[in-house]
Amino acid sequence: MKNSSIKKFISLRDGLLKEQAALTARLAEIEQALGTTGEVKASKSSAADAPSAPRAVKRRARNELSLKEAALKVAAGKSLSKQEILDGILKLGYKFSTKDPMNSLNVVLYSGKNFKRADGKFTAAK
C-alpha cells in the first residue's frame, strides 16, 4: 500500500513539473510576442523564493518648523495667495518630500482654523 502511494505521488509530481515547464515556455512565447521579456512581475510565491534587491529608501525631509508653522510665519500679518505662501515657505528653506507640495499646503490652509480666506487670499488667523 505504501509503495503504491509513493508511485502515485511521484507520478503526480512529474505531471505537475511537466505542466510547469510547458506553462513557462508558453509564457516566454507570449512575452516575446508582446515585447515585454523580463518585465512581467513575479508572483507572490516566486517573489518570496527569489532574493530581493535592495530598495532605495526615500527618507522624509527633516525641517526645523512644521509645514503649518512655516505657513503661519510666512502669512503673518499679510494676505497672500497659495502660491505666494508656498514660495515663502520654500524661501524659509522648508524641504518637501512630495512631488506636489501645493497639495500638502492645501491641507494646512483648508483644515483647522489657522487661516482665514477671503478673495482667494489667506491670512494667519492667530
C-alpha atoms as a PDB file:
ATOM      1  CA  MET A   1       0.000   0.000   0.000  1.00  0.00           C
ATOM      2  CA  LYS A   2       2.805   2.428   0.878  1.00  0.00           C
ATOM      3  CA  ASN A   3       4.603   1.591  -2.346  1.00  0.00           C
ATOM      4  CA  SER A   4       1.537   2.473  -4.469  1.00  0.00           C
ATOM      5  CA  SER A   5       1.114   5.792  -2.599  1.00  0.00           C
ATOM      6  CA  ILE A   6       4.716   6.730  -3.332  1.00  0.00           C
ATOM      7  CA  LYS A   7       4.364   5.801  -7.004  1.00  0.00           C
ATOM      8  CA  LYS A   8       1.163   7.853  -7.222  1.00  0.00           C
ATOM      9  CA  PHE A   9       2.900  10.849  -5.605  1.00  0.00           C
ATOM     10  CA  ILE A  10       5.886  10.606  -7.993  1.00  0.00           C
ATOM     11  CA  SER A  11       3.566  10.325 -10.969  1.00  0.00           C
ATOM     12  CA  LEU A  12       1.534  13.373  -9.914  1.00  0.00           C
ATOM     13  CA  ARG A  13       4.693  15.368  -9.149  1.00  0.00           C
ATOM     14  CA  ASP A  14       6.194  14.528 -12.557  1.00  0.00           C
ATOM     15  CA  GLY A  15       2.956  15.599 -14.220  1.00  0.00           C
ATOM     16  CA  LEU A  16       2.976  18.924 -12.388  1.00  0.00           C
ATOM     17  CA  LEU A  17       6.634  19.561 -13.280  1.00  0.00           C
ATOM     18  CA  LYS A  18       5.905  18.910 -16.971  1.00  0.00           C
ATOM     19  CA  GLU A  19       2.914  21.243 -16.850  1.00  0.00           C
ATOM     20  CA  GLN A  20       5.026  23.912 -15.160  1.00  0.00           C
ATOM     21  CA  ALA A  21       7.709  23.622 -17.868  1.00  0.00           C
ATOM     22  CA  ALA A  22       5.063  23.886 -20.610  1.00  0.00           C
ATOM     23  CA  LEU A  23       3.480  26.953 -18.996  1.00  0.00           C
ATOM     24  CA  THR A  24       6.861  28.613 -18.523  1.00  0.00           C
ATOM     25  CA  ALA A  25       7.692  28.039 -22.194  1.00  0.00           C
ATOM     26  CA  ARG A  26       4.292  29.412 -23.244  1.00  0.00           C
ATOM     27  CA  LEU A  27       4.749  32.475 -21.046  1.00  0.00           C
ATOM     28  CA  ALA A  28       8.152  33.116 -22.655  1.00  0.00           C
ATOM     29  CA  GLU A  29       6.487  32.956 -26.103  1.00  0.00           C
ATOM     30  CA  ILE A  30       3.815  35.437 -25.014  1.00  0.00           C
ATOM     31  CA  GLU A  31       6.392  37.816 -23.528  1.00  0.00           C
ATOM     32  CA  GLN A  32       8.438  37.676 -26.725  1.00  0.00           C
ATOM     33  CA  ALA A  33       5.355  38.379 -28.846  1.00  0.00           C
ATOM     34  CA  LEU A  34       4.422  41.347 -26.664  1.00  0.00           C
ATOM     35  CA  GLY A  35       7.993  42.592 -26.437  1.00  0.00           C
ATOM     36  CA  THR A  36       7.902  42.502 -22.648  1.00  0.00           C
ATOM     37  CA  THR A  37      10.573  39.903 -21.963  1.00  0.00           C
ATOM     38  CA  GLY A  38      11.556  40.058 -18.295  1.00  0.00           C
ATOM     39  CA  GLU A  39       9.106  42.821 -17.434  1.00  0.00           C
ATOM     40  CA  VAL A  40       6.374  40.606 -16.033  1.00  0.00           C
ATOM     41  CA  LYS A  41       6.063  40.904 -12.261  1.00  0.00           C
ATOM     42  CA  ALA A  42       6.812  37.756 -10.327  1.00  0.00           C
ATOM     43  CA  SER A  43       4.016  36.054  -8.454  1.00  0.00           C
ATOM     44  CA  LYS A  44       3.993  36.124  -4.656  1.00  0.00           C
ATOM     45  CA  SER A  45       5.370  32.594  -4.309  1.00  0.00           C
ATOM     46  CA  SER A  46       8.332  33.140  -6.634  1.00  0.00           C
ATOM     47  CA  ALA A  47       8.964  36.602  -5.206  1.00  0.00           C
ATOM     48  CA  ALA A  48       9.263  35.080  -1.743  1.00  0.00           C
ATOM     49  CA  ASP A  49      11.765  32.488  -3.015  1.00  0.00           C
ATOM     50  CA  ALA A  50      13.891  34.935  -5.003  1.00  0.00           C
ATOM     51  CA  PRO A  51      16.448  37.108  -3.226  1.00  0.00           C
ATOM     52  CA  SER A  52      15.190  40.658  -3.040  1.00  0.00           C
ATOM     53  CA  ALA A  53      17.163  43.523  -4.498  1.00  0.00           C
ATOM     54  CA  PRO A  54      17.994  46.379  -2.143  1.00  0.00           C
ATOM     55  CA  ARG A  55      15.427  49.148  -2.353  1.00  0.00           C
ATOM     56  CA  ALA A  56      16.224  52.809  -2.416  1.00  0.00           C
ATOM     57  CA  VAL A  57      14.725  54.255   0.729  1.00  0.00           C
ATOM     58  CA  LYS A  58      13.401  57.772   0.368  1.00  0.00           C
ATOM     59  CA  ARG A  59      13.660  59.415   3.719  1.00  0.00           C
ATOM     60  CA  ARG A  60      11.297  62.090   4.893  1.00  0.00           C
ATOM     61  CA  ALA A  61      12.779  65.576   4.869  1.00  0.00           C
ATOM     62  CA  ARG A  62      13.645  66.991   8.278  1.00  0.00           C
ATOM     63  CA  ASN A  63      12.645  70.596   8.876  1.00  0.00           C
ATOM     64  CA  GLU A  64      13.065  72.879  11.853  1.00  0.00           C
ATOM     65  CA  LEU A  65       9.464  74.094  11.524  1.00  0.00           C
ATOM     66  CA  SER A  66       6.376  72.096  10.720  1.00  0.00           C
ATOM     67  CA  LEU A  67       4.595  72.998   7.494  1.00  0.00           C
ATOM     68  CA  LYS A  68       1.826  74.666   9.500  1.00  0.00           C
ATOM     69  CA  GLU A  69       4.331  76.728  11.491  1.00  0.00           C
ATOM     70  CA  ALA A  70       6.162  77.760   8.318  1.00  0.00           C
ATOM     71  CA  ALA A  71       2.904  78.768   6.607  1.00  0.00           C
ATOM     72  CA  LEU A  72       1.800  80.778   9.653  1.00  0.00           C
ATOM     73  CA  LYS A  73       5.181  82.517   9.752  1.00  0.00           C
ATOM     74  CA  VAL A  74       5.007  83.435   6.059  1.00  0.00           C
ATOM     75  CA  ALA A  75       1.374  84.623   6.197  1.00  0.00           C
ATOM     76  CA  ALA A  76       1.682  86.529   9.496  1.00  0.00           C
ATOM     77  CA  GLY A  77       0.097  89.967   9.041  1.00  0.00           C
ATOM     78  CA  LYS A  78      -0.196  89.558   5.255  1.00  0.00           C
ATOM     79  CA  SER A  79      -2.869  88.486   2.821  1.00  0.00           C
ATOM     80  CA  LEU A  80      -1.216  86.091   0.341  1.00  0.00           C
ATOM     81  CA  SER A  81      -2.258  83.666  -2.366  1.00  0.00           C
ATOM     82  CA  LYS A  82      -1.486  79.955  -2.021  1.00  0.00           C
ATOM     83  CA  GLN A  83       1.410  80.247  -4.486  1.00  0.00           C
ATOM     84  CA  GLU A  84       2.887  83.227  -2.606  1.00  0.00           C
ATOM     85  CA  ILE A  85       2.698  81.266   0.654  1.00  0.00           C
ATOM     86  CA  LEU A  86       4.351  78.250  -0.992  1.00  0.00           C
ATOM     87  CA  ASP A  87       7.127  80.445  -2.406  1.00  0.00           C
ATOM     88  CA  GLY A  88       7.675  81.989   1.039  1.00  0.00           C
ATOM     89  CA  ILE A  89       7.838  78.558   2.685  1.00  0.00           C
ATOM     90  CA  LEU A  90      10.454  77.453   0.148  1.00  0.00           C
ATOM     91  CA  LYS A  91      12.459  80.634   0.820  1.00  0.00           C
ATOM     92  CA  LEU A  92      12.473  79.717   4.511  1.00  0.00           C
ATOM     93  CA  GLY A  93      14.298  76.542   3.461  1.00  0.00           C
ATOM     94  CA  TYR A  94      11.463  74.120   4.080  1.00  0.00           C
ATOM     95  CA  LYS A  95      12.072  70.819   2.284  1.00  0.00           C
ATOM     96  CA  PHE A  96       9.099  68.866   0.898  1.00  0.00           C
ATOM     97  CA  SER A  97       9.235  65.072   0.493  1.00  0.00           C
ATOM     98  CA  THR A  98       6.394  65.061  -2.008  1.00  0.00           C
ATOM     99  CA  LYS A  99       6.206  65.671  -5.731  1.00  0.00           C
ATOM    100  CA  ASP A 100       3.236  68.007  -5.192  1.00  0.00           C
ATOM    101  CA  PRO A 101       3.972  70.462  -2.364  1.00  0.00           C
ATOM    102  CA  MET A 102       0.846  72.501  -3.134  1.00  0.00           C
ATOM    103  CA  ASN A 103      -1.294  69.525  -2.143  1.00  0.00           C
ATOM    104  CA  SER A 104       0.386  69.419   1.282  1.00  0.00           C
ATOM    105  CA  LEU A 105      -0.029  73.169   1.672  1.00  0.00           C
ATOM    106  CA  ASN A 106      -3.737  72.929   0.799  1.00  0.00           C
ATOM    107  CA  VAL A 107      -4.229  70.514   3.684  1.00  0.00           C
ATOM    108  CA  VAL A 108      -2.721  73.037   6.088  1.00  0.00           C
ATOM    109  CA  LEU A 109      -4.622  76.006   4.652  1.00  0.00           C
ATOM    110  CA  TYR A 110      -8.071  74.409   4.455  1.00  0.00           C
ATOM    111  CA  SER A 111      -8.114  72.281   7.602  1.00  0.00           C
ATOM    112  CA  GLY A 112      -8.476  73.696  11.048  1.00  0.00           C
ATOM    113  CA  LYS A 113      -8.987  77.327  11.936  1.00  0.00           C
ATOM    114  CA  ASN A 114      -5.416  78.557  11.488  1.00  0.00           C
ATOM    115  CA  PHE A 115      -6.065  80.544   8.314  1.00  0.00           C
ATOM    116  CA  LYS A 116      -8.776  82.909   7.125  1.00  0.00           C
ATOM    117  CA  ARG A 117      -9.585  83.043   3.437  1.00  0.00           C
ATOM    118  CA  ALA A 118     -11.039  85.980   1.531  1.00  0.00           C
ATOM    119  CA  ASP A 119     -10.983  86.566  -2.229  1.00  0.00           C
ATOM    120  CA  GLY A 120      -8.502  83.725  -2.803  1.00  0.00           C
ATOM    121  CA  LYS A 121      -6.016  85.153  -0.312  1.00  0.00           C
ATOM    122  CA  PHE A 122      -5.076  83.659   3.036  1.00  0.00           C
ATOM    123  CA  THR A 123      -4.116  85.343   6.285  1.00  0.00           C
ATOM    124  CA  ALA A 124      -2.951  83.781   9.522  1.00  0.00           C
ATOM    125  CA  ALA A 125      -5.843  83.641  11.979  1.00  0.00           C
ATOM    126  CA  LYS A 126      -3.583  83.808  15.033  1.00  0.00           C
END
